[in-house]
């Protein structure tokens, strides 16, 4: 791992591009839904942006949308994509494939508990944020340790990325859905001096596909917790 006198390890942490279920606001953590054409276009734009970066390796969650995401981004570099199971998305158990409105109506008590604390509580058959952090953070640190002083791209998912970044920055992860957002095909950059010192250099950047005239992300009203719905 990087030590005194060695360059930091840079991780380009990317959320997969848009899918059809992204626009429908359905729970699809463990569901293997493909990228949409919009998502592929977002990623081709990001691939151009990153084409000159000295990225030596590409890792991804094994789900189809993240493997394709990493493959699009790896193409200019002519590198293979290495699947890593710990990077997969949070599973929502019996909520998978349902809209938030359907879940709130069918499982009101379970949904209320999850909204109050998604880090320690999970729906039936699903995962809590704590379980995701417990598998994803060691996976990421293994990648960092294997690429001391190098640049590496990691493709993962909305909740998993927010939990990873929140953990590395020391946030109260019971509120990760209130504090953090992740747009489709967004770019985050983390620099690691060693395995216990990470610095966030860029967060949720989507300027490569410019969702607003200023090139900055539009204010989200549906990807976060209900606290933001009326903002």
C-alpha atoms as a PDB file:
ATOM      1  CA  UNK A   1       0.000   0.000   0.000  1.00  0.00           C
ATOM      2  CA  UNK A   2       0.988   3.593  -0.580  1.00  0.00           C
ATOM      3  CA  UNK A   3       3.364   4.952   1.996  1.00  0.00           C
ATOM      4  CA  UNK A   4       5.598   7.970   2.465  1.00  0.00           C
ATOM      5  CA  UNK A   5       7.019   9.133  -0.852  1.00  0.00           C
ATOM      6  CA  UNK A   6       4.574   7.094  -2.959  1.00  0.00           C
ATOM      7  CA  UNK A   7       1.754   8.561  -5.007  1.00  0.00           C
ATOM      8  CA  UNK A   8      -1.745   8.008  -3.633  1.00  0.00           C
ATOM      9  CA  UNK A   9      -3.927   5.287  -5.114  1.00  0.00           C
ATOM     10  CA  UNK A  10      -6.760   6.905  -7.080  1.00  0.00           C
ATOM     11  CA  UNK A  11     -10.142   5.156  -7.288  1.00  0.00           C
ATOM     12  CA  UNK A  12     -12.664   6.272  -9.910  1.00  0.00           C
ATOM     13  CA  UNK A  13     -15.878   5.057  -8.275  1.00  0.00           C
ATOM     14  CA  UNK A  14     -18.708   5.071 -10.831  1.00  0.00           C
ATOM     15  CA  UNK A  15     -22.388   4.328 -10.496  1.00  0.00           C
ATOM     16  CA  UNK A  16     -23.843   2.337 -13.398  1.00  0.00           C
ATOM     17  CA  UNK A  17     -25.754   4.192 -16.091  1.00  0.00           C
ATOM     18  CA  UNK A  18     -29.500   4.674 -16.159  1.00  0.00           C
ATOM     19  CA  UNK A  19     -31.824   1.661 -16.481  1.00  0.00           C
ATOM     20  CA  UNK A  20     -35.540   1.491 -17.268  1.00  0.00           C
ATOM     21  CA  UNK A  21     -36.275   0.872 -13.601  1.00  0.00           C
ATOM     22  CA  UNK A  22     -34.267   3.969 -12.644  1.00  0.00           C
ATOM     23  CA  UNK A  23     -36.968   6.150 -14.181  1.00  0.00           C
ATOM     24  CA  UNK A  24     -39.776   4.087 -12.635  1.00  0.00           C
ATOM     25  CA  UNK A  25     -38.430   4.470  -9.064  1.00  0.00           C
ATOM     26  CA  UNK A  26     -38.627   0.737  -8.361  1.00  0.00           C
ATOM     27  CA  UNK A  27     -36.541  -1.241  -5.898  1.00  0.00           C
ATOM     28  CA  UNK A  28     -34.081  -3.160  -8.054  1.00  0.00           C
ATOM     29  CA  UNK A  29     -30.985  -3.756  -5.948  1.00  0.00           C
ATOM     30  CA  UNK A  30     -30.563  -7.477  -6.554  1.00  0.00           C
ATOM     31  CA  UNK A  31     -32.663  -7.530  -9.739  1.00  0.00           C
ATOM     32  CA  UNK A  32     -30.456  -7.841 -12.827  1.00  0.00           C
ATOM     33  CA  UNK A  33     -31.943  -5.114 -15.012  1.00  0.00           C
ATOM     34  CA  UNK A  34     -30.055  -3.953 -18.143  1.00  0.00           C
ATOM     35  CA  UNK A  35     -28.867  -0.472 -18.967  1.00  0.00           C
ATOM     36  CA  UNK A  36     -31.176   1.706 -21.029  1.00  0.00           C
ATOM     37  CA  UNK A  37     -30.034   3.472 -24.194  1.00  0.00           C
ATOM     38  CA  UNK A  38     -29.905   6.676 -22.163  1.00  0.00           C
ATOM     39  CA  UNK A  39     -27.615   4.958 -19.663  1.00  0.00           C
ATOM     40  CA  UNK A  40     -25.298   3.737 -22.405  1.00  0.00           C
ATOM     41  CA  UNK A  41     -25.090   7.235 -23.874  1.00  0.00           C
ATOM     42  CA  UNK A  42     -24.199   8.637 -20.433  1.00  0.00           C
ATOM     43  CA  UNK A  43     -21.403   6.093 -20.125  1.00  0.00           C
ATOM     44  CA  UNK A  44     -19.995   6.609 -23.612  1.00  0.00           C
ATOM     45  CA  UNK A  45     -19.650  10.284 -22.722  1.00  0.00           C
ATOM     46  CA  UNK A  46     -17.894   9.378 -19.478  1.00  0.00           C
ATOM     47  CA  UNK A  47     -15.623   6.954 -21.378  1.00  0.00           C
ATOM     48  CA  UNK A  48     -14.437   9.842 -23.550  1.00  0.00           C
ATOM     49  CA  UNK A  49     -13.839  11.935 -20.449  1.00  0.00           C
ATOM     50  CA  UNK A  50     -11.734   9.212 -18.811  1.00  0.00           C
ATOM     51  CA  UNK A  51      -9.993   7.963 -21.945  1.00  0.00           C
ATOM     52  CA  UNK A  52      -6.753   9.805 -21.201  1.00  0.00           C
ATOM     53  CA  UNK A  53      -6.589   8.855 -17.521  1.00  0.00           C
ATOM     54  CA  UNK A  54      -3.899   6.259 -16.658  1.00  0.00           C
ATOM     55  CA  UNK A  55      -6.362   3.633 -15.424  1.00  0.00           C
ATOM     56  CA  UNK A  56      -4.668   0.245 -15.061  1.00  0.00           C
ATOM     57  CA  UNK A  57      -7.569  -1.948 -13.926  1.00  0.00           C
ATOM     58  CA  UNK A  58     -11.375  -2.077 -14.039  1.00  0.00           C
ATOM     59  CA  UNK A  59     -13.510  -3.787 -11.390  1.00  0.00           C
ATOM     60  CA  UNK A  60     -17.294  -4.111 -11.171  1.00  0.00           C
ATOM     61  CA  UNK A  61     -20.187  -5.620  -9.315  1.00  0.00           C
ATOM     62  CA  UNK A  62     -21.115  -8.856 -11.141  1.00  0.00           C
ATOM     63  CA  UNK A  63     -24.604  -7.631 -12.089  1.00  0.00           C
ATOM     64  CA  UNK A  64     -25.168  -7.015 -15.791  1.00  0.00           C
ATOM     65  CA  UNK A  65     -25.670  -3.253 -15.569  1.00  0.00           C
ATOM     66  CA  UNK A  66     -22.379  -2.711 -13.736  1.00  0.00           C
ATOM     67  CA  UNK A  67     -20.377  -5.146 -15.850  1.00  0.00           C
ATOM     68  CA  UNK A  68     -21.592  -3.372 -19.006  1.00  0.00           C
ATOM     69  CA  UNK A  69     -20.865  -0.005 -17.395  1.00  0.00           C
ATOM     70  CA  UNK A  70     -17.286  -1.007 -16.678  1.00  0.00           C
ATOM     71  CA  UNK A  71     -16.877  -2.592 -20.128  1.00  0.00           C
ATOM     72  CA  UNK A  72     -17.903   0.659 -21.855  1.00  0.00           C
ATOM     73  CA  UNK A  73     -15.472   2.634 -19.701  1.00  0.00           C
ATOM     74  CA  UNK A  74     -12.677   0.083 -20.148  1.00  0.00           C
ATOM     75  CA  UNK A  75     -12.974  -0.054 -23.940  1.00  0.00           C
ATOM     76  CA  UNK A  76     -10.672   2.927 -24.731  1.00  0.00           C
ATOM     77  CA  UNK A  77      -8.056   1.394 -22.410  1.00  0.00           C
ATOM     78  CA  UNK A  78      -8.400  -2.124 -23.865  1.00  0.00           C
ATOM     79  CA  UNK A  79      -8.606  -3.649 -20.400  1.00  0.00           C
ATOM     80  CA  UNK A  80     -10.764  -6.539 -19.117  1.00  0.00           C
ATOM     81  CA  UNK A  81     -13.380  -6.080 -16.406  1.00  0.00           C
ATOM     82  CA  UNK A  82     -12.897  -8.043 -13.195  1.00  0.00           C
ATOM     83  CA  UNK A  83     -16.134  -8.908 -11.304  1.00  0.00           C
ATOM     84  CA  UNK A  84     -16.071  -8.561  -7.515  1.00  0.00           C
ATOM     85  CA  UNK A  85     -19.112  -9.872  -5.648  1.00  0.00           C
ATOM     86  CA  UNK A  86     -18.704  -7.571  -2.649  1.00  0.00           C
ATOM     87  CA  UNK A  87     -19.467  -4.555  -4.853  1.00  0.00           C
ATOM     88  CA  UNK A  88     -23.020  -5.657  -5.704  1.00  0.00           C
ATOM     89  CA  UNK A  89     -26.042  -3.583  -4.754  1.00  0.00           C
ATOM     90  CA  UNK A  90     -28.067  -3.861  -1.582  1.00  0.00           C
ATOM     91  CA  UNK A  91     -30.828  -6.471  -1.788  1.00  0.00           C
ATOM     92  CA  UNK A  92     -34.329  -5.290  -0.932  1.00  0.00           C
ATOM     93  CA  UNK A  93     -35.674  -8.809  -0.447  1.00  0.00           C
ATOM     94  CA  UNK A  94     -39.400  -9.088  -1.040  1.00  0.00           C
ATOM     95  CA  UNK A  95     -39.566  -5.454  -2.138  1.00  0.00           C
ATOM     96  CA  UNK A  96     -37.561  -6.132  -5.315  1.00  0.00           C
ATOM     97  CA  UNK A  97     -39.350  -4.953  -8.468  1.00  0.00           C
ATOM     98  CA  UNK A  98     -42.018  -2.996  -6.581  1.00  0.00           C
ATOM     99  CA  UNK A  99     -42.410   0.780  -6.580  1.00  0.00           C
ATOM    100  CA  UNK A 100     -41.982   2.750  -3.388  1.00  0.00           C
ATOM    101  CA  UNK A 101     -45.715   3.497  -3.340  1.00  0.00           C
ATOM    102  CA  UNK A 102     -46.528  -0.213  -3.602  1.00  0.00           C
ATOM    103  CA  UNK A 103     -44.118  -1.123  -0.811  1.00  0.00           C
ATOM    104  CA  UNK A 104     -45.438   1.621   1.447  1.00  0.00           C
ATOM    105  CA  UNK A 105     -48.990   0.322   0.924  1.00  0.00           C
ATOM    106  CA  UNK A 106     -48.235  -3.420   1.184  1.00  0.00           C
ATOM    107  CA  UNK A 107     -45.669  -3.343   4.016  1.00  0.00           C
ATOM    108  CA  UNK A 108     -46.334  -0.091   5.936  1.00  0.00           C
ATOM    109  CA  UNK A 109     -44.658  -1.079   9.213  1.00  0.00           C
ATOM    110  CA  UNK A 110     -41.612  -2.547   7.510  1.00  0.00           C
ATOM    111  CA  UNK A 111     -41.295   0.467   5.235  1.00  0.00           C
ATOM    112  CA  UNK A 112     -41.551   2.910   8.154  1.00  0.00           C
ATOM    113  CA  UNK A 113     -38.779   1.101  10.047  1.00  0.00           C
ATOM    114  CA  UNK A 114     -36.569   1.107   6.960  1.00  0.00           C
ATOM    115  CA  UNK A 115     -37.132   4.820   6.357  1.00  0.00           C
ATOM    116  CA  UNK A 116     -36.197   5.535   9.981  1.00  0.00           C
ATOM    117  CA  UNK A 117     -32.984   3.480   9.919  1.00  0.00           C
ATOM    118  CA  UNK A 118     -31.971   1.790   6.638  1.00  0.00           C
ATOM    119  CA  UNK A 119     -28.521   1.075   8.060  1.00  0.00           C
ATOM    120  CA  UNK A 120     -29.515  -1.447  10.725  1.00  0.00           C
ATOM    121  CA  UNK A 121     -32.941  -2.584   9.465  1.00  0.00           C
ATOM    122  CA  UNK A 122     -33.745  -4.565   6.319  1.00  0.00           C
ATOM    123  CA  UNK A 123     -36.982  -5.772   4.718  1.00  0.00           C
ATOM    124  CA  UNK A 124     -37.732  -9.505   4.856  1.00  0.00           C
ATOM    125  CA  UNK A 125     -35.194 -11.383   2.760  1.00  0.00           C
ATOM    126  CA  UNK A 126     -33.101  -8.270   2.176  1.00  0.00           C
ATOM    127  CA  UNK A 127     -29.946  -6.615   3.483  1.00  0.00           C
ATOM    128  CA  UNK A 128     -29.370  -3.779   5.895  1.00  0.00           C
ATOM    129  CA  UNK A 129     -26.863  -1.071   5.028  1.00  0.00           C
ATOM    130  CA  UNK A 130     -24.596  -2.462   7.738  1.00  0.00           C
ATOM    131  CA  UNK A 131     -24.370  -5.815   5.916  1.00  0.00           C
ATOM    132  CA  UNK A 132     -23.571  -4.079   2.633  1.00  0.00           C
ATOM    133  CA  UNK A 133     -20.793  -2.035   4.249  1.00  0.00           C
ATOM    134  CA  UNK A 134     -19.380  -5.174   5.874  1.00  0.00           C
ATOM    135  CA  UNK A 135     -18.862  -6.831   2.471  1.00  0.00           C
ATOM    136  CA  UNK A 136     -18.227  -3.836   0.219  1.00  0.00           C
ATOM    137  CA  UNK A 137     -15.650  -1.917   2.263  1.00  0.00           C
ATOM    138  CA  UNK A 138     -13.191  -4.828   2.627  1.00  0.00           C
ATOM    139  CA  UNK A 139     -13.607  -5.500  -1.108  1.00  0.00           C
ATOM    140  CA  UNK A 140     -12.733  -1.912  -1.984  1.00  0.00           C
ATOM    141  CA  UNK A 141      -9.765  -1.866   0.392  1.00  0.00           C
ATOM    142  CA  UNK A 142      -8.431  -5.090  -1.151  1.00  0.00           C
ATOM    143  CA  UNK A 143      -8.504  -3.374  -4.550  1.00  0.00           C
ATOM    144  CA  UNK A 144      -6.721  -0.322  -3.131  1.00  0.00           C
ATOM    145  CA  UNK A 145      -4.088  -2.510  -1.497  1.00  0.00           C
ATOM    146  CA  UNK A 146      -3.462  -4.418  -4.741  1.00  0.00           C
ATOM    147  CA  UNK A 147      -2.880  -1.210  -6.751  1.00  0.00           C
ATOM    148  CA  UNK A 148      -0.591   0.955  -4.645  1.00  0.00           C
ATOM    149  CA  UNK A 149       0.074   4.268  -6.365  1.00  0.00           C
ATOM    150  CA  UNK A 150      -2.079   3.379  -9.393  1.00  0.00           C
ATOM    151  CA  UNK A 151      -5.376   4.536 -10.900  1.00  0.00           C
ATOM    152  CA  UNK A 152      -8.274   2.050 -10.833  1.00  0.00           C
ATOM    153  CA  UNK A 153     -11.941   2.226 -11.847  1.00  0.00           C
ATOM    154  CA  UNK A 154     -14.660   0.541  -9.796  1.00  0.00           C
ATOM    155  CA  UNK A 155     -18.274   0.305 -11.057  1.00  0.00           C
ATOM    156  CA  UNK A 156     -20.929  -0.222  -8.420  1.00  0.00           C
ATOM    157  CA  UNK A 157     -24.411   0.907  -7.352  1.00  0.00           C
ATOM    158  CA  UNK A 158     -26.233   3.799  -5.715  1.00  0.00           C
ATOM    159  CA  UNK A 159     -26.630   2.495  -2.153  1.00  0.00           C
ATOM    160  CA  UNK A 160     -23.315   0.652  -2.120  1.00  0.00           C
ATOM    161  CA  UNK A 161     -21.375   3.729  -3.246  1.00  0.00           C
ATOM    162  CA  UNK A 162     -23.097   5.983  -0.728  1.00  0.00           C
ATOM    163  CA  UNK A 163     -22.368   3.524   2.076  1.00  0.00           C
ATOM    164  CA  UNK A 164     -18.727   3.201   1.028  1.00  0.00           C
ATOM    165  CA  UNK A 165     -18.129   6.933   0.823  1.00  0.00           C
ATOM    166  CA  UNK A 166     -20.080   7.621   4.000  1.00  0.00           C
ATOM    167  CA  UNK A 167     -18.057   5.016   5.854  1.00  0.00           C
ATOM    168  CA  UNK A 168     -14.723   6.344   4.609  1.00  0.00           C
ATOM    169  CA  UNK A 169     -15.667   9.914   5.543  1.00  0.00           C
ATOM    170  CA  UNK A 170     -17.065   8.981   8.960  1.00  0.00           C
ATOM    171  CA  UNK A 171     -20.734   9.898   8.404  1.00  0.00           C
ATOM    172  CA  UNK A 172     -23.602   8.664  10.556  1.00  0.00           C
ATOM    173  CA  UNK A 173     -24.686   5.956   8.144  1.00  0.00           C
ATOM    174  CA  UNK A 174     -28.183   5.733   9.594  1.00  0.00           C
ATOM    175  CA  UNK A 175     -28.772   8.925   7.580  1.00  0.00           C
ATOM    176  CA  UNK A 176     -26.936   8.021   4.388  1.00  0.00           C
ATOM    177  CA  UNK A 177     -30.117   8.337   2.329  1.00  0.00           C
ATOM    178  CA  UNK A 178     -30.627  11.880   3.617  1.00  0.00           C
ATOM    179  CA  UNK A 179     -27.013  13.019   3.248  1.00  0.00           C
ATOM    180  CA  UNK A 180     -25.880  11.536  -0.062  1.00  0.00           C
ATOM    181  CA  UNK A 181     -27.150  11.140  -3.633  1.00  0.00           C
ATOM    182  CA  UNK A 182     -25.798   9.261  -6.644  1.00  0.00           C
ATOM    183  CA  UNK A 183     -26.945  10.051 -10.161  1.00  0.00           C
ATOM    184  CA  UNK A 184     -26.741   7.431 -12.928  1.00  0.00           C
ATOM    185  CA  UNK A 185     -23.258   7.247 -14.489  1.00  0.00           C
ATOM    186  CA  UNK A 186     -21.937   9.693 -11.900  1.00  0.00           C
ATOM    187  CA  UNK A 187     -18.215   9.938 -11.219  1.00  0.00           C
ATOM    188  CA  UNK A 188     -16.677   9.957  -7.751  1.00  0.00           C
ATOM    189  CA  UNK A 189     -12.931  10.139  -7.135  1.00  0.00           C
ATOM    190  CA  UNK A 190     -11.211   8.905  -3.979  1.00  0.00           C
ATOM    191  CA  UNK A 191      -7.494   9.222  -3.253  1.00  0.00           C
ATOM    192  CA  UNK A 192      -5.980   6.798  -0.728  1.00  0.00           C
ATOM    193  CA  UNK A 193      -2.722   7.635   1.015  1.00  0.00           C
ATOM    194  CA  UNK A 194      -3.025   4.299   2.813  1.00  0.00           C
ATOM    195  CA  UNK A 195      -5.844   1.932   3.797  1.00  0.00           C
ATOM    196  CA  UNK A 196      -7.040   4.175   6.626  1.00  0.00           C
ATOM    197  CA  UNK A 197      -6.696   7.594   4.990  1.00  0.00           C
ATOM    198  CA  UNK A 198      -8.993   8.393   2.067  1.00  0.00           C
ATOM    199  CA  UNK A 199      -9.818  11.812   0.630  1.00  0.00           C
ATOM    200  CA  UNK A 200     -12.869  12.543  -1.521  1.00  0.00           C
ATOM    201  CA  UNK A 201     -11.659  14.566  -4.511  1.00  0.00           C
ATOM    202  CA  UNK A 202     -14.877  14.528  -6.600  1.00  0.00           C
ATOM    203  CA  UNK A 203     -18.443  13.533  -5.791  1.00  0.00           C
ATOM    204  CA  UNK A 204     -21.521  12.694  -7.895  1.00  0.00           C
ATOM    205  CA  UNK A 205     -20.180  14.533 -10.926  1.00  0.00           C
ATOM    206  CA  UNK A 206     -22.257  14.266 -14.107  1.00  0.00           C
ATOM    207  CA  UNK A 207     -20.791  17.116 -16.134  1.00  0.00           C
ATOM    208  CA  UNK A 208     -19.937  14.643 -18.923  1.00  0.00           C
ATOM    209  CA  UNK A 209     -23.620  14.415 -19.807  1.00  0.00           C
ATOM    210  CA  UNK A 210     -24.701  17.846 -18.500  1.00  0.00           C
ATOM    211  CA  UNK A 211     -28.191  17.206 -17.058  1.00  0.00           C
ATOM    212  CA  UNK A 212     -28.618  20.950 -16.536  1.00  0.00           C
ATOM    213  CA  UNK A 213     -27.410  24.004 -18.487  1.00  0.00           C
ATOM    214  CA  UNK A 214     -24.721  24.685 -15.876  1.00  0.00           C
ATOM    215  CA  UNK A 215     -23.351  21.150 -16.175  1.00  0.00           C
ATOM    216  CA  UNK A 216     -24.134  20.423 -12.532  1.00  0.00           C
ATOM    217  CA  UNK A 217     -26.547  17.702 -11.327  1.00  0.00           C
ATOM    218  CA  UNK A 218     -30.209  18.666 -11.108  1.00  0.00           C
ATOM    219  CA  UNK A 219     -31.694  18.725  -7.607  1.00  0.00           C
ATOM    220  CA  UNK A 220     -33.073  15.268  -6.868  1.00  0.00           C
ATOM    221  CA  UNK A 221     -36.648  14.860  -5.663  1.00  0.00           C
ATOM    222  CA  UNK A 222     -37.029  11.088  -5.865  1.00  0.00           C
ATOM    223  CA  UNK A 223     -33.745   9.232  -5.374  1.00  0.00           C
ATOM    224  CA  UNK A 224     -33.278  10.169  -1.719  1.00  0.00           C
ATOM    225  CA  UNK A 225     -35.371   9.722   1.406  1.00  0.00           C
ATOM    226  CA  UNK A 226     -38.860  11.329   1.680  1.00  0.00           C
ATOM    227  CA  UNK A 227     -37.250  14.265   3.497  1.00  0.00           C
ATOM    228  CA  UNK A 228     -36.260  15.642   0.077  1.00  0.00           C
ATOM    229  CA  UNK A 229     -39.503  15.040  -1.808  1.00  0.00           C
ATOM    230  CA  UNK A 230     -40.910  18.512  -1.264  1.00  0.00           C
ATOM    231  CA  UNK A 231     -37.633  20.416  -1.504  1.00  0.00           C
END
